[in-house]
């Protein structure tokens, strides 16, 4: 399979890229390095089935972006430390960036996996959060850029886009 990993130079994204390559897939990592690092994928850059494209998914995706069978969306900064530092970047990644990835999935027939963290539940009143927990979000609080945006859809969802 040919797989796109948005946020491929992040901690989780880089490990996902390595695992997908080990499973025999071709991987295209997209990352703007806002929180990811080229160091995380340096060991993959010489691999014949790995390509990295420096790109911010807030911007329209490159016209030359290859067709994909699957897209993993891990591009959103999810650390509470980033919520006050880059709140607009987070909101736009979770909305406009998600739209761009969904459009690419629709055009190419790919399935898309959109992930988030428990931060999507806001400042929790329950530990650990179970899947039925609706959260404790504040629409105007310092975490709102993450937990009030597209990520409040839950921990992950998979779309078969048609």
N, C-alpha and C. Protein backbone atom coordinates (compact mmCIF):
# COMPACT_ATOMS: atom_id res chain seq x y z
N UNK A 1 0.83 -1.19 0.00
CA UNK A 1 0.00 0.00 0.00
C UNK A 1 0.87 1.25 0.00
N UNK A 2 0.34 2.30 -0.57
CA UNK A 2 1.00 3.61 -0.51
C UNK A 2 0.26 4.43 0.54
N UNK A 3 0.98 4.91 1.53
CA UNK A 3 0.37 5.54 2.69
C UNK A 3 0.99 6.91 2.93
N UNK A 4 0.13 7.89 3.20
CA UNK A 4 0.56 9.23 3.58
C UNK A 4 0.40 9.35 5.09
N UNK A 5 1.45 9.86 5.75
CA UNK A 5 1.38 10.13 7.18
C UNK A 5 1.58 11.62 7.37
N UNK A 6 0.49 12.34 7.64
CA UNK A 6 0.57 13.76 7.95
C UNK A 6 1.01 13.88 9.40
N UNK A 7 2.08 14.64 9.63
CA UNK A 7 2.69 14.67 10.95
C UNK A 7 3.72 13.56 11.09
N UNK A 8 4.29 13.15 9.96
CA UNK A 8 5.21 12.02 9.93
C UNK A 8 6.53 12.22 10.64
N UNK A 9 6.88 13.46 10.96
CA UNK A 9 8.14 13.72 11.67
C UNK A 9 7.92 13.94 13.16
N UNK A 10 6.70 13.74 13.62
CA UNK A 10 6.43 13.82 15.05
C UNK A 10 6.85 12.54 15.75
N UNK A 11 6.72 12.51 17.05
CA UNK A 11 7.13 11.33 17.81
C UNK A 11 6.35 10.09 17.36
N UNK A 12 5.03 10.17 17.41
CA UNK A 12 4.22 9.01 17.03
C UNK A 12 4.28 8.80 15.52
N UNK A 13 4.20 9.89 14.74
CA UNK A 13 4.24 9.78 13.29
C UNK A 13 5.50 9.11 12.77
N UNK A 14 6.64 9.46 13.35
CA UNK A 14 7.90 8.87 12.89
C UNK A 14 7.95 7.37 13.19
N UNK A 15 7.43 6.97 14.33
CA UNK A 15 7.38 5.55 14.66
C UNK A 15 6.39 4.81 13.76
N UNK A 16 5.28 5.47 13.44
CA UNK A 16 4.32 4.87 12.51
C UNK A 16 4.95 4.69 11.14
N UNK A 17 5.66 5.70 10.65
CA UNK A 17 6.35 5.58 9.35
C UNK A 17 7.30 4.39 9.35
N UNK A 18 8.09 4.25 10.40
CA UNK A 18 9.04 3.14 10.48
C UNK A 18 8.32 1.79 10.49
N UNK A 19 7.22 1.70 11.23
CA UNK A 19 6.48 0.44 11.29
C UNK A 19 5.84 0.11 9.94
N UNK A 20 5.31 1.12 9.27
CA UNK A 20 4.70 0.88 7.96
C UNK A 20 5.74 0.43 6.94
N UNK A 21 6.92 1.04 6.97
CA UNK A 21 8.00 0.62 6.08
C UNK A 21 8.41 -0.82 6.37
N UNK A 22 8.51 -1.14 7.66
CA UNK A 22 8.89 -2.50 8.05
C UNK A 22 7.86 -3.53 7.58
N UNK A 23 6.62 -3.09 7.45
CA UNK A 23 5.55 -3.97 6.96
C UNK A 23 5.48 -4.02 5.43
N UNK A 24 6.40 -3.31 4.76
CA UNK A 24 6.47 -3.38 3.30
C UNK A 24 5.73 -2.30 2.54
N UNK A 25 5.20 -1.32 3.24
CA UNK A 25 4.44 -0.26 2.57
C UNK A 25 5.36 0.85 2.05
N UNK A 26 4.85 1.63 1.12
CA UNK A 26 5.51 2.86 0.67
C UNK A 26 4.90 3.99 1.49
N UNK A 27 5.76 4.88 2.02
CA UNK A 27 5.30 5.91 2.95
C UNK A 27 5.73 7.29 2.49
N UNK A 28 4.78 8.21 2.47
CA UNK A 28 5.06 9.62 2.21
C UNK A 28 4.72 10.36 3.49
N UNK A 29 5.72 10.96 4.11
CA UNK A 29 5.51 11.73 5.33
C UNK A 29 5.35 13.20 4.96
N UNK A 30 4.30 13.82 5.47
CA UNK A 30 4.10 15.26 5.33
C UNK A 30 4.33 15.87 6.70
N UNK A 31 5.12 16.93 6.76
CA UNK A 31 5.32 17.60 8.04
C UNK A 31 5.83 19.01 7.79
N UNK A 32 5.40 19.95 8.63
CA UNK A 32 5.90 21.32 8.55
C UNK A 32 6.91 21.62 9.66
N UNK A 33 7.18 20.65 10.48
CA UNK A 33 8.17 20.72 11.56
C UNK A 33 7.84 21.77 12.63
N UNK A 34 6.55 22.08 12.81
CA UNK A 34 6.17 22.99 13.88
C UNK A 34 6.46 22.34 15.23
N UNK A 35 6.12 21.07 15.37
CA UNK A 35 6.48 20.33 16.59
C UNK A 35 7.26 19.06 16.29
N UNK A 36 7.19 18.57 15.06
CA UNK A 36 7.99 17.42 14.65
C UNK A 36 9.41 17.86 14.34
N UNK A 37 10.27 16.91 14.09
CA UNK A 37 11.67 17.23 13.84
C UNK A 37 12.24 16.32 12.76
N UNK A 38 13.05 16.87 11.86
CA UNK A 38 13.73 16.03 10.87
C UNK A 38 14.58 14.94 11.53
N UNK A 39 15.05 15.18 12.76
CA UNK A 39 15.84 14.16 13.48
C UNK A 39 15.04 12.89 13.71
N UNK A 40 13.71 13.03 13.88
CA UNK A 40 12.88 11.86 14.15
C UNK A 40 12.79 10.90 12.96
N UNK A 41 13.02 11.42 11.76
CA UNK A 41 12.92 10.58 10.56
C UNK A 41 14.24 10.47 9.81
N UNK A 42 15.30 10.98 10.40
CA UNK A 42 16.61 10.96 9.73
C UNK A 42 17.02 9.54 9.34
N UNK A 43 16.74 8.56 10.19
CA UNK A 43 17.12 7.18 9.91
C UNK A 43 16.30 6.56 8.78
N UNK A 44 15.22 7.23 8.34
CA UNK A 44 14.37 6.70 7.28
C UNK A 44 14.64 7.34 5.92
N UNK A 45 15.35 8.45 5.91
CA UNK A 45 15.46 9.25 4.69
C UNK A 45 16.14 8.54 3.52
N UNK A 46 16.96 7.57 3.75
CA UNK A 46 17.60 6.84 2.65
C UNK A 46 16.80 5.64 2.17
N UNK A 47 15.70 5.36 2.82
CA UNK A 47 14.91 4.18 2.48
C UNK A 47 14.24 4.37 1.12
N UNK A 48 14.30 3.36 0.24
CA UNK A 48 13.77 3.51 -1.11
C UNK A 48 12.24 3.67 -1.18
N UNK A 49 11.53 3.27 -0.13
CA UNK A 49 10.06 3.40 -0.13
C UNK A 49 9.59 4.52 0.78
N UNK A 50 10.49 5.45 1.12
CA UNK A 50 10.13 6.55 2.02
C UNK A 50 10.42 7.88 1.35
N UNK A 51 9.46 8.76 1.44
CA UNK A 51 9.62 10.12 0.93
C UNK A 51 9.09 11.07 1.99
N UNK A 52 9.78 12.18 2.20
CA UNK A 52 9.29 13.20 3.11
C UNK A 52 9.07 14.48 2.31
N UNK A 53 7.94 15.10 2.56
CA UNK A 53 7.61 16.36 1.92
C UNK A 53 7.36 17.37 3.03
N UNK A 54 8.17 18.43 3.05
CA UNK A 54 7.95 19.48 4.02
C UNK A 54 6.77 20.32 3.54
N UNK A 55 5.69 20.26 4.29
CA UNK A 55 4.47 20.93 3.87
C UNK A 55 3.55 21.15 5.07
N UNK A 56 2.90 22.29 5.10
CA UNK A 56 1.90 22.61 6.11
C UNK A 56 0.53 22.29 5.52
N UNK A 57 -0.21 21.35 6.11
CA UNK A 57 -1.48 20.93 5.53
C UNK A 57 -2.55 22.01 5.61
N UNK A 58 -2.27 23.11 6.28
CA UNK A 58 -3.19 24.25 6.24
C UNK A 58 -3.25 24.81 4.81
N UNK A 59 -2.15 24.69 4.11
CA UNK A 59 -2.08 25.12 2.71
C UNK A 59 -2.58 24.00 1.81
N UNK A 60 -3.10 24.34 0.63
CA UNK A 60 -3.51 23.27 -0.29
C UNK A 60 -2.37 22.26 -0.48
N UNK A 61 -2.73 21.01 -0.56
CA UNK A 61 -1.72 19.97 -0.71
C UNK A 61 -1.03 20.10 -2.06
N UNK A 62 0.24 19.70 -2.12
CA UNK A 62 0.97 19.80 -3.39
C UNK A 62 0.26 19.03 -4.50
N UNK A 63 0.17 19.64 -5.68
CA UNK A 63 -0.48 18.99 -6.82
C UNK A 63 0.18 17.66 -7.15
N UNK A 64 1.47 17.56 -6.89
CA UNK A 64 2.21 16.33 -7.22
C UNK A 64 2.14 15.28 -6.11
N UNK A 65 1.35 15.54 -5.06
CA UNK A 65 1.24 14.55 -3.98
C UNK A 65 0.68 13.25 -4.56
N UNK A 66 1.39 12.15 -4.35
CA UNK A 66 0.97 10.88 -4.96
C UNK A 66 -0.39 10.40 -4.46
N UNK A 67 -0.97 9.53 -5.23
CA UNK A 67 -2.19 8.84 -4.83
C UNK A 67 -1.87 8.00 -3.60
N UNK A 68 -2.85 7.86 -2.73
CA UNK A 68 -2.65 7.08 -1.52
C UNK A 68 -3.76 6.05 -1.37
N UNK A 69 -3.42 4.94 -0.73
CA UNK A 69 -4.42 3.96 -0.35
C UNK A 69 -4.98 4.29 1.03
N UNK A 70 -4.13 4.92 1.85
CA UNK A 70 -4.52 5.28 3.21
C UNK A 70 -3.79 6.56 3.61
N UNK A 71 -4.45 7.32 4.47
CA UNK A 71 -3.87 8.55 5.00
C UNK A 71 -4.06 8.52 6.51
N UNK A 72 -2.97 8.74 7.23
CA UNK A 72 -3.01 8.88 8.69
C UNK A 72 -2.82 10.35 9.02
N UNK A 73 -3.80 10.94 9.71
CA UNK A 73 -3.72 12.37 10.07
C UNK A 73 -3.29 12.47 11.54
N UNK A 74 -1.99 12.71 11.73
CA UNK A 74 -1.43 12.91 13.06
C UNK A 74 -0.77 14.29 13.14
N UNK A 75 -1.23 15.23 12.32
CA UNK A 75 -0.51 16.49 12.14
C UNK A 75 -0.78 17.54 13.21
N UNK A 76 -1.76 17.37 14.04
CA UNK A 76 -2.07 18.43 14.99
C UNK A 76 -1.17 18.41 16.22
N UNK A 77 -0.58 19.56 16.54
CA UNK A 77 0.12 19.64 17.83
C UNK A 77 -0.88 19.37 18.95
N UNK A 78 -0.53 18.48 19.85
CA UNK A 78 -1.48 18.04 20.87
C UNK A 78 -1.00 18.30 22.29
N UNK A 79 0.12 18.96 22.44
CA UNK A 79 0.65 19.21 23.78
C UNK A 79 0.03 20.47 24.38
N UNK A 80 -0.45 20.39 25.62
CA UNK A 80 -0.97 21.60 26.26
C UNK A 80 0.03 22.76 26.25
N UNK A 81 1.32 22.46 26.20
CA UNK A 81 2.32 23.53 26.12
C UNK A 81 2.18 24.34 24.83
N UNK A 82 1.63 23.72 23.78
CA UNK A 82 1.46 24.41 22.49
C UNK A 82 0.17 25.21 22.41
N UNK A 83 -0.78 24.95 23.29
CA UNK A 83 -2.09 25.58 23.19
C UNK A 83 -2.01 27.11 23.28
N UNK A 84 -1.14 27.63 24.09
CA UNK A 84 -1.00 29.10 24.19
C UNK A 84 0.04 29.63 23.21
N UNK A 85 0.93 28.77 22.74
CA UNK A 85 2.00 29.20 21.83
C UNK A 85 1.52 29.30 20.38
N UNK A 86 0.74 28.33 19.93
CA UNK A 86 0.31 28.30 18.53
C UNK A 86 -1.16 27.90 18.40
N UNK A 87 -2.06 28.59 19.09
CA UNK A 87 -3.47 28.16 19.06
C UNK A 87 -4.11 28.23 17.67
N UNK A 88 -3.81 29.26 16.90
CA UNK A 88 -4.42 29.36 15.57
C UNK A 88 -3.90 28.26 14.64
N UNK A 89 -2.61 27.95 14.73
CA UNK A 89 -2.03 26.86 13.92
C UNK A 89 -2.75 25.55 14.24
N UNK A 90 -3.02 25.31 15.51
CA UNK A 90 -3.70 24.08 15.93
C UNK A 90 -5.11 24.04 15.36
N UNK A 91 -5.86 25.13 15.52
CA UNK A 91 -7.24 25.16 15.01
C UNK A 91 -7.28 24.97 13.50
N UNK A 92 -6.40 25.62 12.79
CA UNK A 92 -6.40 25.51 11.34
C UNK A 92 -5.96 24.12 10.87
N UNK A 93 -5.03 23.52 11.57
CA UNK A 93 -4.61 22.16 11.23
C UNK A 93 -5.77 21.19 11.40
N UNK A 94 -6.53 21.37 12.48
CA UNK A 94 -7.64 20.46 12.78
C UNK A 94 -8.87 20.72 11.92
N UNK A 95 -8.94 21.84 11.28
CA UNK A 95 -10.10 22.14 10.44
C UNK A 95 -9.70 22.17 8.96
N UNK A 96 -9.01 23.20 8.54
CA UNK A 96 -8.62 23.35 7.14
C UNK A 96 -7.69 22.21 6.72
N UNK A 97 -6.73 21.86 7.56
CA UNK A 97 -5.81 20.77 7.24
C UNK A 97 -6.54 19.45 7.07
N UNK A 98 -7.49 19.19 7.96
CA UNK A 98 -8.29 17.98 7.84
C UNK A 98 -9.09 17.99 6.54
N UNK A 99 -9.65 19.13 6.20
CA UNK A 99 -10.38 19.26 4.94
C UNK A 99 -9.49 18.91 3.74
N UNK A 100 -8.26 19.46 3.73
CA UNK A 100 -7.36 19.17 2.62
C UNK A 100 -7.04 17.67 2.52
N UNK A 101 -6.82 17.04 3.65
CA UNK A 101 -6.54 15.60 3.64
C UNK A 101 -7.77 14.80 3.20
N UNK A 102 -8.95 15.21 3.66
CA UNK A 102 -10.18 14.53 3.25
C UNK A 102 -10.40 14.66 1.74
N UNK A 103 -10.14 15.83 1.20
CA UNK A 103 -10.29 16.04 -0.24
C UNK A 103 -9.32 15.14 -1.02
N UNK A 104 -8.08 15.03 -0.53
CA UNK A 104 -7.12 14.15 -1.20
C UNK A 104 -7.59 12.70 -1.11
N UNK A 105 -8.12 12.31 0.04
CA UNK A 105 -8.64 10.95 0.21
C UNK A 105 -9.81 10.71 -0.74
N UNK A 106 -10.69 11.68 -0.87
CA UNK A 106 -11.83 11.54 -1.78
C UNK A 106 -11.36 11.38 -3.22
N UNK A 107 -10.42 12.23 -3.62
CA UNK A 107 -9.94 12.19 -5.01
C UNK A 107 -9.20 10.90 -5.34
N UNK A 108 -8.50 10.35 -4.37
CA UNK A 108 -7.65 9.18 -4.64
C UNK A 108 -8.27 7.86 -4.18
N UNK A 109 -9.40 7.92 -3.51
CA UNK A 109 -10.03 6.70 -3.03
C UNK A 109 -9.39 6.15 -1.77
N UNK A 110 -8.64 6.97 -1.06
CA UNK A 110 -7.96 6.52 0.16
C UNK A 110 -8.91 6.52 1.34
N UNK A 111 -8.57 5.73 2.32
CA UNK A 111 -9.24 5.79 3.63
C UNK A 111 -8.40 6.71 4.50
N UNK A 112 -9.06 7.41 5.41
CA UNK A 112 -8.35 8.36 6.27
C UNK A 112 -8.59 8.01 7.74
N UNK A 113 -7.51 7.99 8.51
CA UNK A 113 -7.59 7.81 9.95
C UNK A 113 -7.19 9.13 10.58
N UNK A 114 -8.08 9.73 11.35
CA UNK A 114 -7.86 11.00 12.03
C UNK A 114 -7.74 10.70 13.52
N UNK A 115 -6.63 11.05 14.12
CA UNK A 115 -6.41 10.71 15.52
C UNK A 115 -6.32 11.95 16.39
N UNK A 116 -6.54 11.76 17.65
CA UNK A 116 -6.34 12.83 18.62
C UNK A 116 -5.87 12.20 19.92
N UNK A 117 -5.86 13.00 20.94
CA UNK A 117 -5.44 12.53 22.26
C UNK A 117 -6.55 12.76 23.26
N UNK A 118 -6.34 12.36 24.48
CA UNK A 118 -7.34 12.61 25.52
C UNK A 118 -7.48 14.10 25.80
N UNK A 119 -6.57 14.93 25.29
CA UNK A 119 -6.70 16.38 25.43
C UNK A 119 -7.99 16.87 24.79
N UNK A 120 -8.54 16.11 23.85
CA UNK A 120 -9.78 16.49 23.18
C UNK A 120 -10.95 16.56 24.16
N UNK A 121 -10.82 15.89 25.31
CA UNK A 121 -11.89 15.91 26.30
C UNK A 121 -11.83 17.15 27.19
N UNK A 122 -10.86 18.02 26.99
CA UNK A 122 -10.71 19.19 27.84
C UNK A 122 -9.95 18.84 29.10
N UNK A 123 -10.16 19.63 30.12
CA UNK A 123 -9.52 19.40 31.42
C UNK A 123 -10.39 18.39 32.16
N UNK A 124 -10.03 17.12 32.14
CA UNK A 124 -10.95 16.07 32.58
C UNK A 124 -11.24 16.09 34.08
N UNK A 125 -12.47 15.73 34.38
CA UNK A 125 -12.89 15.55 35.77
C UNK A 125 -12.84 14.08 36.15
N UNK A 126 -12.58 13.22 35.16
CA UNK A 126 -12.57 11.77 35.35
C UNK A 126 -11.26 11.22 34.82
N UNK A 127 -10.61 10.37 35.62
CA UNK A 127 -9.37 9.72 35.18
C UNK A 127 -9.49 8.22 35.42
N UNK A 128 -9.16 7.36 34.51
CA UNK A 128 -8.95 7.67 33.09
C UNK A 128 -10.28 7.93 32.41
N UNK A 129 -10.23 8.56 31.24
CA UNK A 129 -11.45 8.84 30.50
C UNK A 129 -11.89 7.60 29.75
N UNK A 130 -13.14 7.25 29.91
CA UNK A 130 -13.71 6.14 29.16
C UNK A 130 -14.32 6.71 27.89
N UNK A 131 -14.60 5.87 26.91
CA UNK A 131 -15.10 6.33 25.62
C UNK A 131 -16.46 7.01 25.73
N UNK A 132 -17.21 6.76 26.79
CA UNK A 132 -18.52 7.40 26.94
C UNK A 132 -18.43 8.76 27.63
N UNK A 133 -17.23 9.16 28.08
CA UNK A 133 -17.04 10.45 28.75
C UNK A 133 -17.17 11.58 27.73
N UNK A 134 -18.03 12.55 28.02
CA UNK A 134 -18.25 13.65 27.10
C UNK A 134 -17.26 14.79 27.27
N UNK A 135 -16.50 14.77 28.34
CA UNK A 135 -15.46 15.77 28.51
C UNK A 135 -15.87 16.95 29.37
N UNK A 136 -14.92 17.84 29.52
CA UNK A 136 -15.08 19.05 30.32
C UNK A 136 -14.39 20.17 29.56
N UNK A 137 -15.04 20.64 28.53
CA UNK A 137 -14.40 21.62 27.66
C UNK A 137 -14.88 23.03 27.96
N UNK A 138 -14.04 23.99 27.65
CA UNK A 138 -14.33 25.41 27.86
C UNK A 138 -14.09 26.11 26.53
N UNK A 139 -15.14 26.60 25.92
CA UNK A 139 -15.06 27.18 24.58
C UNK A 139 -14.18 28.42 24.49
N UNK A 140 -13.89 29.05 25.61
CA UNK A 140 -13.05 30.26 25.58
C UNK A 140 -11.80 30.11 26.44
N UNK A 141 -11.54 28.91 26.93
CA UNK A 141 -10.38 28.67 27.78
C UNK A 141 -9.11 28.46 26.98
N UNK A 142 -8.00 28.32 27.68
CA UNK A 142 -6.70 28.18 27.01
C UNK A 142 -6.54 26.89 26.21
N UNK A 143 -7.38 25.90 26.44
CA UNK A 143 -7.29 24.64 25.71
C UNK A 143 -8.25 24.59 24.52
N UNK A 144 -9.06 25.62 24.35
CA UNK A 144 -10.14 25.61 23.35
C UNK A 144 -9.63 25.39 21.93
N UNK A 145 -8.42 25.80 21.64
CA UNK A 145 -7.91 25.63 20.27
C UNK A 145 -7.82 24.17 19.88
N UNK A 146 -7.71 23.29 20.86
CA UNK A 146 -7.60 21.85 20.58
C UNK A 146 -8.92 21.14 20.85
N UNK A 147 -9.47 21.33 22.06
CA UNK A 147 -10.62 20.51 22.41
C UNK A 147 -11.94 21.07 21.93
N UNK A 148 -11.97 22.24 21.35
CA UNK A 148 -13.22 22.77 20.79
C UNK A 148 -13.22 22.70 19.28
N UNK A 149 -12.20 22.15 18.69
CA UNK A 149 -12.13 22.10 17.24
C UNK A 149 -12.50 20.70 16.75
N UNK A 150 -12.04 20.34 15.60
CA UNK A 150 -12.37 19.07 14.98
C UNK A 150 -12.01 17.87 15.83
N UNK A 151 -11.07 18.03 16.75
CA UNK A 151 -10.63 16.89 17.53
C UNK A 151 -11.68 16.44 18.54
N UNK A 152 -12.70 17.26 18.79
CA UNK A 152 -13.68 16.84 19.77
C UNK A 152 -14.59 15.72 19.25
N UNK A 153 -14.26 15.20 18.09
CA UNK A 153 -15.01 14.08 17.54
C UNK A 153 -14.67 12.77 18.23
N UNK A 154 -13.66 12.77 19.05
CA UNK A 154 -13.29 11.55 19.75
C UNK A 154 -11.83 11.21 19.51
N UNK A 155 -11.43 10.10 20.00
CA UNK A 155 -10.01 9.72 19.92
C UNK A 155 -9.57 9.37 18.52
N UNK A 156 -10.41 8.78 17.72
CA UNK A 156 -10.02 8.43 16.36
C UNK A 156 -11.27 8.05 15.58
N UNK A 157 -11.23 8.33 14.32
CA UNK A 157 -12.27 7.81 13.45
C UNK A 157 -11.66 7.49 12.11
N UNK A 158 -12.27 6.53 11.44
CA UNK A 158 -11.79 6.11 10.13
C UNK A 158 -12.90 6.41 9.14
N UNK A 159 -12.51 7.03 8.04
CA UNK A 159 -13.48 7.35 7.01
C UNK A 159 -13.16 6.60 5.73
N UNK A 160 -14.15 5.99 5.18
CA UNK A 160 -14.07 5.50 3.81
C UNK A 160 -14.69 6.60 2.99
N UNK A 161 -13.91 7.47 2.41
CA UNK A 161 -14.40 8.66 1.73
C UNK A 161 -14.83 8.29 0.32
N UNK A 162 -16.05 8.72 -0.05
CA UNK A 162 -16.55 8.46 -1.41
C UNK A 162 -16.90 9.75 -2.11
